[in-house]
Amino acid sequence: MNLYAVRAIYHFEMSRMFRTLVQSILSPVLSTSLYFIVFGSAIGSRMADIDGVPYGAFLVPGLIMLSILTESISNASFAIYFPRFIGTIYEVLSAPVSPFEIVLGYVGAAATKSVLIGTIILATAALFVDLQVQHPATMLLFLVLTSVTFSLFGFIIGIWADSWEKLSIIPVLIITPLTFLGGSFYPLSVLAEPWQTLTLFNPVVYLISGFRWSFYGLADVQVATSLGMTLLFLLLCSTALYWIFKTGYRLKK
């Protein structure tokens, strides 16, 4: 493995984050903090506990997951789309670097940013609500797996998109609504049928459910099912990227 090339791509992407700290770190943390203030403190204080968990604390896993999904897709998609847009991707493709090493560098950096943002938001949430993490190892596992999986998904979007508008259409019109409807602000038990059953077709439900279980032991679906769905999506994204690099789809034009 060409570790020098992987490090070069990784360090380049990470340095871009440090050059744009306001956009990369401060903006998502600030927007999530506003959710804590409005929903957690203002509205949450007027709502009943959910299975013994204060509403403000109940929101934390869902809001962290919302930020992770958004940032993972945004960082990874921009990272590969911009070199395609200005033409420098051909220099990377012509270099003695394998597709796996290219993906490892770009996706590794995007996932690292997401994990960092998720950690900062978690620390910020502790300033607003009383947090408890019953299963820290499981929390870290879901945090890393989700960041990597959706960074891979974002990488695919960055290759598929042929305009700046397409780069944002899936995160804005699909991922964000799925996250809001995936139990970020409520348990699925409050939904009447058939909506409760239909919601189970939303893949984000499994991510939020497993992540919330690691905090409070509360889950809308079995934790093993949540983990299995995450790994399945990871496999699908990896398979799609293998096909993209094998065929040169929108890379060798």
C-alpha atoms as a PDB file:
ATOM      1  CA  MET A   1       0.000   0.000   0.000  1.00  0.00           C
ATOM      2  CA  ASN A   2       1.213   3.475  -0.909  1.00  0.00           C
ATOM      3  CA  LEU A   3       0.896   5.018   2.552  1.00  0.00           C
ATOM      4  CA  TYR A   4       2.686   8.171   1.406  1.00  0.00           C
ATOM      5  CA  ALA A   5      -0.076   8.871  -1.124  1.00  0.00           C
ATOM      6  CA  VAL A   6      -2.805   8.120   1.411  1.00  0.00           C
ATOM      7  CA  ARG A   7      -1.199  10.481   3.930  1.00  0.00           C
ATOM      8  CA  ALA A   8      -0.807  13.187   1.281  1.00  0.00           C
ATOM      9  CA  ILE A   9      -4.507  13.081   0.341  1.00  0.00           C
ATOM     10  CA  TYR A  10      -5.574  12.810   3.966  1.00  0.00           C
ATOM     11  CA  HIS A  11      -3.415  15.717   5.160  1.00  0.00           C
ATOM     12  CA  PHE A  12      -4.498  17.895   2.234  1.00  0.00           C
ATOM     13  CA  GLU A  13      -8.189  17.374   3.064  1.00  0.00           C
ATOM     14  CA  MET A  14      -7.653  17.882   6.789  1.00  0.00           C
ATOM     15  CA  SER A  15      -5.684  21.070   6.176  1.00  0.00           C
ATOM     16  CA  ARG A  16      -8.646  22.398   4.168  1.00  0.00           C
ATOM     17  CA  MET A  17     -10.790  21.936   7.256  1.00  0.00           C
ATOM     18  CA  PHE A  18      -8.395  23.956   9.401  1.00  0.00           C
ATOM     19  CA  ARG A  19      -8.337  26.725   6.788  1.00  0.00           C
ATOM     20  CA  THR A  20     -12.135  26.970   6.970  1.00  0.00           C
ATOM     21  CA  LEU A  21     -12.827  26.379  10.653  1.00  0.00           C
ATOM     22  CA  VAL A  22     -15.897  28.618  10.720  1.00  0.00           C
ATOM     23  CA  GLN A  23     -17.595  26.713   7.916  1.00  0.00           C
ATOM     24  CA  SER A  24     -16.291  23.260   8.809  1.00  0.00           C
ATOM     25  CA  ILE A  25     -16.602  23.230  12.609  1.00  0.00           C
ATOM     26  CA  LEU A  26     -18.263  26.318  14.036  1.00  0.00           C
ATOM     27  CA  SER A  27     -21.267  26.376  11.683  1.00  0.00           C
ATOM     28  CA  PRO A  28     -22.581  22.820  12.345  1.00  0.00           C
ATOM     29  CA  VAL A  29     -21.862  23.095  16.070  1.00  0.00           C
ATOM     30  CA  LEU A  30     -23.663  26.452  16.305  1.00  0.00           C
ATOM     31  CA  SER A  31     -26.706  25.254  14.352  1.00  0.00           C
ATOM     32  CA  THR A  32     -26.976  22.120  16.504  1.00  0.00           C
ATOM     33  CA  SER A  33     -26.616  24.208  19.659  1.00  0.00           C
ATOM     34  CA  LEU A  34     -29.625  26.240  18.532  1.00  0.00           C
ATOM     35  CA  TYR A  35     -31.627  23.008  18.382  1.00  0.00           C
ATOM     36  CA  PHE A  36     -30.589  22.271  21.974  1.00  0.00           C
ATOM     37  CA  ILE A  37     -31.620  25.754  23.103  1.00  0.00           C
ATOM     38  CA  VAL A  38     -34.971  25.809  21.300  1.00  0.00           C
ATOM     39  CA  PHE A  39     -36.089  22.180  21.521  1.00  0.00           C
ATOM     40  CA  GLY A  40     -34.085  21.001  24.493  1.00  0.00           C
ATOM     41  CA  SER A  41     -34.366  23.893  26.914  1.00  0.00           C
ATOM     42  CA  ALA A  42     -37.342  25.987  25.802  1.00  0.00           C
ATOM     43  CA  ILE A  43     -39.720  23.307  24.539  1.00  0.00           C
ATOM     44  CA  GLY A  44     -38.199  20.320  26.309  1.00  0.00           C
ATOM     45  CA  SER A  45     -38.817  21.782  29.753  1.00  0.00           C
ATOM     46  CA  ARG A  46     -42.557  21.738  29.000  1.00  0.00           C
ATOM     47  CA  MET A  47     -42.655  18.140  27.776  1.00  0.00           C
ATOM     48  CA  ALA A  48     -42.883  14.915  29.736  1.00  0.00           C
ATOM     49  CA  ASP A  49     -39.968  12.526  30.040  1.00  0.00           C
ATOM     50  CA  ILE A  50     -39.667   9.760  27.455  1.00  0.00           C
ATOM     51  CA  ASP A  51     -39.212   6.429  29.232  1.00  0.00           C
ATOM     52  CA  GLY A  52     -37.577   8.261  32.113  1.00  0.00           C
ATOM     53  CA  VAL A  53     -35.269  10.359  29.904  1.00  0.00           C
ATOM     54  CA  PRO A  54     -35.771  14.155  29.809  1.00  0.00           C
ATOM     55  CA  TYR A  55     -36.806  15.318  26.363  1.00  0.00           C
ATOM     56  CA  GLY A  56     -33.754  17.569  25.999  1.00  0.00           C
ATOM     57  CA  ALA A  57     -31.431  14.628  26.645  1.00  0.00           C
ATOM     58  CA  PHE A  58     -33.527  12.382  24.372  1.00  0.00           C
ATOM     59  CA  LEU A  59     -32.813  14.742  21.460  1.00  0.00           C
ATOM     60  CA  VAL A  60     -29.024  14.580  21.723  1.00  0.00           C
ATOM     61  CA  PRO A  61     -28.335  11.315  19.828  1.00  0.00           C
ATOM     62  CA  GLY A  62     -30.697  12.283  16.998  1.00  0.00           C
ATOM     63  CA  LEU A  63     -29.191  15.748  16.607  1.00  0.00           C
ATOM     64  CA  ILE A  64     -25.647  14.374  16.648  1.00  0.00           C
ATOM     65  CA  MET A  65     -26.631  11.835  14.006  1.00  0.00           C
ATOM     66  CA  LEU A  66     -28.246  14.580  11.912  1.00  0.00           C
ATOM     67  CA  SER A  67     -24.988  16.555  11.952  1.00  0.00           C
ATOM     68  CA  ILE A  68     -22.850  13.491  11.224  1.00  0.00           C
ATOM     69  CA  LEU A  69     -24.926  12.426   8.220  1.00  0.00           C
ATOM     70  CA  THR A  70     -24.972  15.930   6.769  1.00  0.00           C
ATOM     71  CA  GLU A  71     -21.301  16.663   7.329  1.00  0.00           C
ATOM     72  CA  SER A  72     -20.074  13.239   6.154  1.00  0.00           C
ATOM     73  CA  ILE A  73     -21.903  13.551   2.848  1.00  0.00           C
ATOM     74  CA  SER A  74     -20.996  17.217   2.378  1.00  0.00           C
ATOM     75  CA  ASN A  75     -17.291  16.814   3.127  1.00  0.00           C
ATOM     76  CA  ALA A  76     -16.768  13.680   1.039  1.00  0.00           C
ATOM     77  CA  SER A  77     -18.831  14.826  -1.945  1.00  0.00           C
ATOM     78  CA  PHE A  78     -17.075  18.198  -2.153  1.00  0.00           C
ATOM     79  CA  ALA A  79     -13.663  16.561  -1.694  1.00  0.00           C
ATOM     80  CA  ILE A  80     -13.992  14.524  -4.887  1.00  0.00           C
ATOM     81  CA  TYR A  81     -16.254  16.833  -6.894  1.00  0.00           C
ATOM     82  CA  PHE A  82     -13.939  19.847  -6.721  1.00  0.00           C
ATOM     83  CA  PRO A  83     -10.925  17.988  -8.233  1.00  0.00           C
ATOM     84  CA  ARG A  84     -13.267  16.756 -10.964  1.00  0.00           C
ATOM     85  CA  PHE A  85     -14.564  20.283 -11.496  1.00  0.00           C
ATOM     86  CA  ILE A  86     -11.106  21.859 -11.935  1.00  0.00           C
ATOM     87  CA  GLY A  87      -9.543  18.805 -13.623  1.00  0.00           C
ATOM     88  CA  THR A  88      -6.908  17.865 -11.035  1.00  0.00           C
ATOM     89  CA  ILE A  89      -8.558  14.474 -10.524  1.00  0.00           C
ATOM     90  CA  TYR A  90      -6.710  13.254 -13.631  1.00  0.00           C
ATOM     91  CA  GLU A  91      -3.391  13.879 -11.896  1.00  0.00           C
ATOM     92  CA  VAL A  92      -4.540  11.701  -9.006  1.00  0.00           C
ATOM     93  CA  LEU A  93      -5.809   8.961 -11.330  1.00  0.00           C
ATOM     94  CA  SER A  94      -2.577   8.942 -13.346  1.00  0.00           C
ATOM     95  CA  ALA A  95      -0.411   8.712 -10.236  1.00  0.00           C
ATOM     96  CA  PRO A  96       0.748   5.324  -8.892  1.00  0.00           C
ATOM     97  CA  VAL A  97      -2.143   5.255  -6.432  1.00  0.00           C
ATOM     98  CA  SER A  98      -4.772   2.512  -6.316  1.00  0.00           C
ATOM     99  CA  PRO A  99      -8.520   3.245  -6.119  1.00  0.00           C
ATOM    100  CA  PHE A 100      -8.537   1.848  -2.584  1.00  0.00           C
ATOM    101  CA  GLU A 101      -5.813   4.284  -1.533  1.00  0.00           C
ATOM    102  CA  ILE A 102      -7.641   7.214  -3.144  1.00  0.00           C
ATOM    103  CA  VAL A 103     -10.875   6.346  -1.347  1.00  0.00           C
ATOM    104  CA  LEU A 104      -9.004   5.713   1.909  1.00  0.00           C
ATOM    105  CA  GLY A 105      -7.429   9.171   1.802  1.00  0.00           C
ATOM    106  CA  TYR A 106     -10.541  11.156   0.871  1.00  0.00           C
ATOM    107  CA  VAL A 107     -13.095   9.167   2.858  1.00  0.00           C
ATOM    108  CA  GLY A 108     -10.772   8.823   5.842  1.00  0.00           C
ATOM    109  CA  ALA A 109     -10.446  12.601   6.058  1.00  0.00           C
ATOM    110  CA  ALA A 110     -14.202  13.176   5.663  1.00  0.00           C
ATOM    111  CA  ALA A 111     -14.994  10.571   8.326  1.00  0.00           C
ATOM    112  CA  THR A 112     -12.410  12.071  10.695  1.00  0.00           C
ATOM    113  CA  LYS A 113     -14.043  15.489  10.342  1.00  0.00           C
ATOM    114  CA  SER A 114     -17.467  13.998  11.076  1.00  0.00           C
ATOM    115  CA  VAL A 115     -16.241  12.141  14.165  1.00  0.00           C
ATOM    116  CA  LEU A 116     -14.573  15.332  15.375  1.00  0.00           C
ATOM    117  CA  ILE A 117     -17.759  17.363  14.847  1.00  0.00           C
ATOM    118  CA  GLY A 118     -19.859  14.688  16.551  1.00  0.00           C
ATOM    119  CA  THR A 119     -17.512  14.697  19.549  1.00  0.00           C
ATOM    120  CA  ILE A 120     -17.617  18.492  19.816  1.00  0.00           C
ATOM    121  CA  ILE A 121     -21.415  18.514  19.590  1.00  0.00           C
ATOM    122  CA  LEU A 122     -21.587  15.836  22.287  1.00  0.00           C
ATOM    123  CA  ALA A 123     -19.426  17.976  24.563  1.00  0.00           C
ATOM    124  CA  THR A 124     -21.551  21.023  23.719  1.00  0.00           C
ATOM    125  CA  ALA A 125     -24.756  19.125  24.517  1.00  0.00           C
ATOM    126  CA  ALA A 126     -23.433  18.358  27.987  1.00  0.00           C
ATOM    127  CA  LEU A 127     -23.587  22.111  28.675  1.00  0.00           C
ATOM    128  CA  PHE A 128     -27.347  22.157  28.043  1.00  0.00           C
ATOM    129  CA  VAL A 129     -28.636  18.799  29.269  1.00  0.00           C
ATOM    130  CA  ASP A 130     -27.702  16.074  31.736  1.00  0.00           C
ATOM    131  CA  LEU A 131     -26.121  13.390  29.553  1.00  0.00           C
ATOM    132  CA  GLN A 132     -25.356   9.776  30.289  1.00  0.00           C
ATOM    133  CA  VAL A 133     -23.667   7.231  28.043  1.00  0.00           C
ATOM    134  CA  GLN A 134     -24.428   3.702  29.204  1.00  0.00           C
ATOM    135  CA  HIS A 135     -22.530   1.941  26.412  1.00  0.00           C
ATOM    136  CA  PRO A 136     -19.589   4.132  25.323  1.00  0.00           C
ATOM    137  CA  ALA A 137     -17.992   1.423  23.145  1.00  0.00           C
ATOM    138  CA  THR A 138     -21.230   0.973  21.189  1.00  0.00           C
ATOM    139  CA  MET A 139     -21.623   4.740  20.884  1.00  0.00           C
ATOM    140  CA  LEU A 140     -18.118   5.035  19.423  1.00  0.00           C
ATOM    141  CA  LEU A 141     -18.788   2.113  17.073  1.00  0.00           C
ATOM    142  CA  PHE A 142     -21.954   3.687  15.653  1.00  0.00           C
ATOM    143  CA  LEU A 143     -20.255   7.088  15.470  1.00  0.00           C
ATOM    144  CA  VAL A 144     -17.342   5.762  13.417  1.00  0.00           C
ATOM    145  CA  LEU A 145     -19.380   3.363  11.267  1.00  0.00           C
ATOM    146  CA  THR A 146     -21.945   6.023  10.395  1.00  0.00           C
ATOM    147  CA  SER A 147     -19.233   8.565   9.578  1.00  0.00           C
ATOM    148  CA  VAL A 148     -17.379   6.138   7.315  1.00  0.00           C
ATOM    149  CA  THR A 149     -20.523   4.793   5.640  1.00  0.00           C
ATOM    150  CA  PHE A 150     -22.009   8.170   4.783  1.00  0.00           C
ATOM    151  CA  SER A 151     -18.629   9.533   3.768  1.00  0.00           C
ATOM    152  CA  LEU A 152     -18.516   6.703   1.234  1.00  0.00           C
ATOM    153  CA  PHE A 153     -22.040   7.642   0.173  1.00  0.00           C
ATOM    154  CA  GLY A 154     -21.007  11.271  -0.158  1.00  0.00           C
ATOM    155  CA  PHE A 155     -17.997  10.233  -2.224  1.00  0.00           C
ATOM    156  CA  ILE A 156     -20.359   8.448  -4.612  1.00  0.00           C
ATOM    157  CA  ILE A 157     -22.564  11.548  -4.837  1.00  0.00           C
ATOM    158  CA  GLY A 158     -19.485  13.674  -5.603  1.00  0.00           C
ATOM    159  CA  ILE A 159     -18.624  11.383  -8.523  1.00  0.00           C
ATOM    160  CA  TRP A 160     -22.223  11.176  -9.759  1.00  0.00           C
ATOM    161  CA  ALA A 161     -22.898  14.921  -9.633  1.00  0.00           C
ATOM    162  CA  ASP A 162     -22.131  16.919 -12.756  1.00  0.00           C
ATOM    163  CA  SER A 163     -23.152  20.292 -11.320  1.00  0.00           C
ATOM    164  CA  TRP A 164     -23.075  22.144  -8.015  1.00  0.00           C
ATOM    165  CA  GLU A 165     -26.862  21.865  -7.823  1.00  0.00           C
ATOM    166  CA  LYS A 166     -26.763  18.072  -8.024  1.00  0.00           C
ATOM    167  CA  LEU A 167     -24.087  18.024  -5.347  1.00  0.00           C
ATOM    168  CA  SER A 168     -26.552  19.317  -2.771  1.00  0.00           C
ATOM    169  CA  ILE A 169     -29.847  17.892  -4.001  1.00  0.00           C
ATOM    170  CA  ILE A 170     -29.582  14.491  -2.280  1.00  0.00           C
ATOM    171  CA  PRO A 171     -28.443  15.796   1.143  1.00  0.00           C
ATOM    172  CA  VAL A 172     -31.066  18.565   1.145  1.00  0.00           C
ATOM    173  CA  LEU A 173     -34.053  16.811  -0.407  1.00  0.00           C
ATOM    174  CA  ILE A 174     -33.503  13.232   0.776  1.00  0.00           C
ATOM    175  CA  ILE A 175     -31.087  12.782   3.680  1.00  0.00           C
ATOM    176  CA  THR A 176     -32.253  15.686   5.866  1.00  0.00           C
ATOM    177  CA  PRO A 177     -35.977  14.821   5.582  1.00  0.00           C
ATOM    178  CA  LEU A 178     -35.228  11.140   6.269  1.00  0.00           C
ATOM    179  CA  THR A 179     -33.301  12.152   9.385  1.00  0.00           C
ATOM    180  CA  PHE A 180     -36.110  14.378  10.664  1.00  0.00           C
ATOM    181  CA  LEU A 181     -38.600  11.555  10.004  1.00  0.00           C
ATOM    182  CA  GLY A 182     -36.294   8.905  11.440  1.00  0.00           C
ATOM    183  CA  GLY A 183     -36.963   9.468  15.125  1.00  0.00           C
ATOM    184  CA  SER A 184     -34.604  12.365  15.794  1.00  0.00           C
ATOM    185  CA  PHE A 185     -37.248  14.265  17.768  1.00  0.00           C
ATOM    186  CA  TYR A 186     -39.605  11.493  18.860  1.00  0.00           C
ATOM    187  CA  PRO A 187     -39.780   7.759  19.592  1.00  0.00           C
ATOM    188  CA  LEU A 188     -41.505   5.658  16.951  1.00  0.00           C
ATOM    189  CA  SER A 189     -43.970   4.437  19.570  1.00  0.00           C
ATOM    190  CA  VAL A 190     -45.836   7.770  19.383  1.00  0.00           C
ATOM    191  CA  LEU A 191     -46.749   7.120  15.747  1.00  0.00           C
ATOM    192  CA  ALA A 192     -50.029   5.465  14.830  1.00  0.00           C
ATOM    193  CA  GLU A 193     -50.246   2.668  12.314  1.00  0.00           C
ATOM    194  CA  PRO A 194     -49.521   2.394   9.446  1.00  0.00           C
ATOM    195  CA  TRP A 195     -46.957   5.204   9.879  1.00  0.00           C
ATOM    196  CA  GLN A 196     -45.024   3.316  12.542  1.00  0.00           C
ATOM    197  CA  THR A 197     -44.522   0.363  10.199  1.00  0.00           C
ATOM    198  CA  LEU A 198     -43.795   2.544   7.181  1.00  0.00           C
ATOM    199  CA  THR A 199     -41.124   4.410   9.137  1.00  0.00           C
ATOM    200  CA  LEU A 200     -39.167   1.170   9.455  1.00  0.00           C
ATOM    201  CA  PHE A 201     -38.398   1.449   5.735  1.00  0.00           C
ATOM    202  CA  ASN A 202     -36.409   4.592   6.535  1.00  0.00           C
ATOM    203  CA  PRO A 203     -32.756   3.462   6.866  1.00  0.00           C
ATOM    204  CA  VAL A 204     -31.892   6.418   9.109  1.00  0.00           C
ATOM    205  CA  VAL A 205     -34.230   5.011  11.789  1.00  0.00           C
ATOM    206  CA  TYR A 206     -31.770   2.196  12.456  1.00  0.00           C
ATOM    207  CA  LEU A 207     -28.818   4.547  12.819  1.00  0.00           C
ATOM    208  CA  ILE A 208     -30.561   6.842  15.285  1.00  0.00           C
ATOM    209  CA  SER A 209     -32.104   3.949  17.210  1.00  0.00           C
ATOM    210  CA  GLY A 210     -28.792   2.160  17.712  1.00  0.00           C
ATOM    211  CA  PHE A 211     -26.989   5.367  18.583  1.00  0.00           C
ATOM    212  CA  ARG A 212     -29.659   6.383  21.121  1.00  0.00           C
ATOM    213  CA  TRP A 213     -29.516   2.910  22.712  1.00  0.00           C
ATOM    214  CA  SER A 214     -25.831   3.457  23.454  1.00  0.00           C
ATOM    215  CA  PHE A 215     -26.810   6.504  25.518  1.00  0.00           C
ATOM    216  CA  TYR A 216     -29.937   5.464  27.425  1.00  0.00           C
ATOM    217  CA  GLY A 217     -30.647   1.832  26.605  1.00  0.00           C
ATOM    218  CA  LEU A 218     -33.712   2.936  24.607  1.00  0.00           C
ATOM    219  CA  ALA A 219     -34.211   1.687  21.060  1.00  0.00           C
ATOM    220  CA  ASP A 220     -37.019   1.598  18.513  1.00  0.00           C
ATOM    221  CA  VAL A 221     -35.507  -1.503  16.880  1.00  0.00           C
ATOM    222  CA  GLN A 222     -33.090  -4.177  18.027  1.00  0.00           C
ATOM    223  CA  VAL A 223     -29.492  -2.977  18.339  1.00  0.00           C
ATOM    224  CA  ALA A 224     -28.240  -5.951  16.327  1.00  0.00           C
ATOM    225  CA  THR A 225     -30.641  -4.974  13.537  1.00  0.00           C
ATOM    226  CA  SER A 226     -29.372  -1.383  13.620  1.00  0.00           C
ATOM    227  CA  LEU A 227     -25.779  -2.559  13.382  1.00  0.00           C
ATOM    228  CA  GLY A 228     -26.629  -4.998  10.593  1.00  0.00           C
ATOM    229  CA  MET A 229     -28.370  -2.302   8.536  1.00  0.00           C
ATOM    230  CA  THR A 230     -25.390   0.018   8.959  1.00  0.00           C
ATOM    231  CA  LEU A 231     -22.966  -2.678   7.822  1.00  0.00           C
ATOM    232  CA  LEU A 232     -25.233  -3.525   4.887  1.00  0.00           C
ATOM    233  CA  PHE A 233     -25.248   0.086   3.695  1.00  0.00           C
ATOM    234  CA  LEU A 234     -21.467   0.179   4.132  1.00  0.00           C
ATOM    235  CA  LEU A 235     -21.178  -2.908   1.928  1.00  0.00           C
ATOM    236  CA  LEU A 236     -23.476  -1.429  -0.721  1.00  0.00           C
ATOM    237  CA  CYS A 237     -21.480   1.811  -0.867  1.00  0.00           C
ATOM    238  CA  SER A 238     -18.180  -0.094  -1.066  1.00  0.00           C
ATOM    239  CA  THR A 239     -19.545  -2.244  -3.897  1.00  0.00           C
ATOM    240  CA  ALA A 240     -20.772   0.823  -5.782  1.00  0.00           C
ATOM    241  CA  LEU A 241     -17.351   2.484  -5.487  1.00  0.00           C
ATOM    242  CA  TYR A 242     -15.625  -0.678  -6.696  1.00  0.00           C
ATOM    243  CA  TRP A 243     -17.827  -0.613  -9.800  1.00  0.00           C
ATOM    244  CA  ILE A 244     -17.219   3.115 -10.334  1.00  0.00           C
ATOM    245  CA  PHE A 245     -13.437   2.768 -10.345  1.00  0.00           C
ATOM    246  CA  LYS A 246     -13.564  -0.438 -12.389  1.00  0.00           C
ATOM    247  CA  THR A 247     -15.656   1.153 -15.131  1.00  0.00           C
ATOM    248  CA  GLY A 248     -14.303   4.704 -14.785  1.00  0.00           C
ATOM    249  CA  TYR A 249     -17.831   6.071 -14.448  1.00  0.00           C
ATOM    250  CA  ARG A 250     -17.609   9.884 -14.657  1.00  0.00           C
ATOM    251  CA  LEU A 251     -13.933   9.736 -13.737  1.00  0.00           C
ATOM    252  CA  LYS A 252     -12.227   9.050 -17.036  1.00  0.00           C
ATOM    253  CA  LYS A 253     -14.068  11.521 -19.240  1.00  0.00           C
END
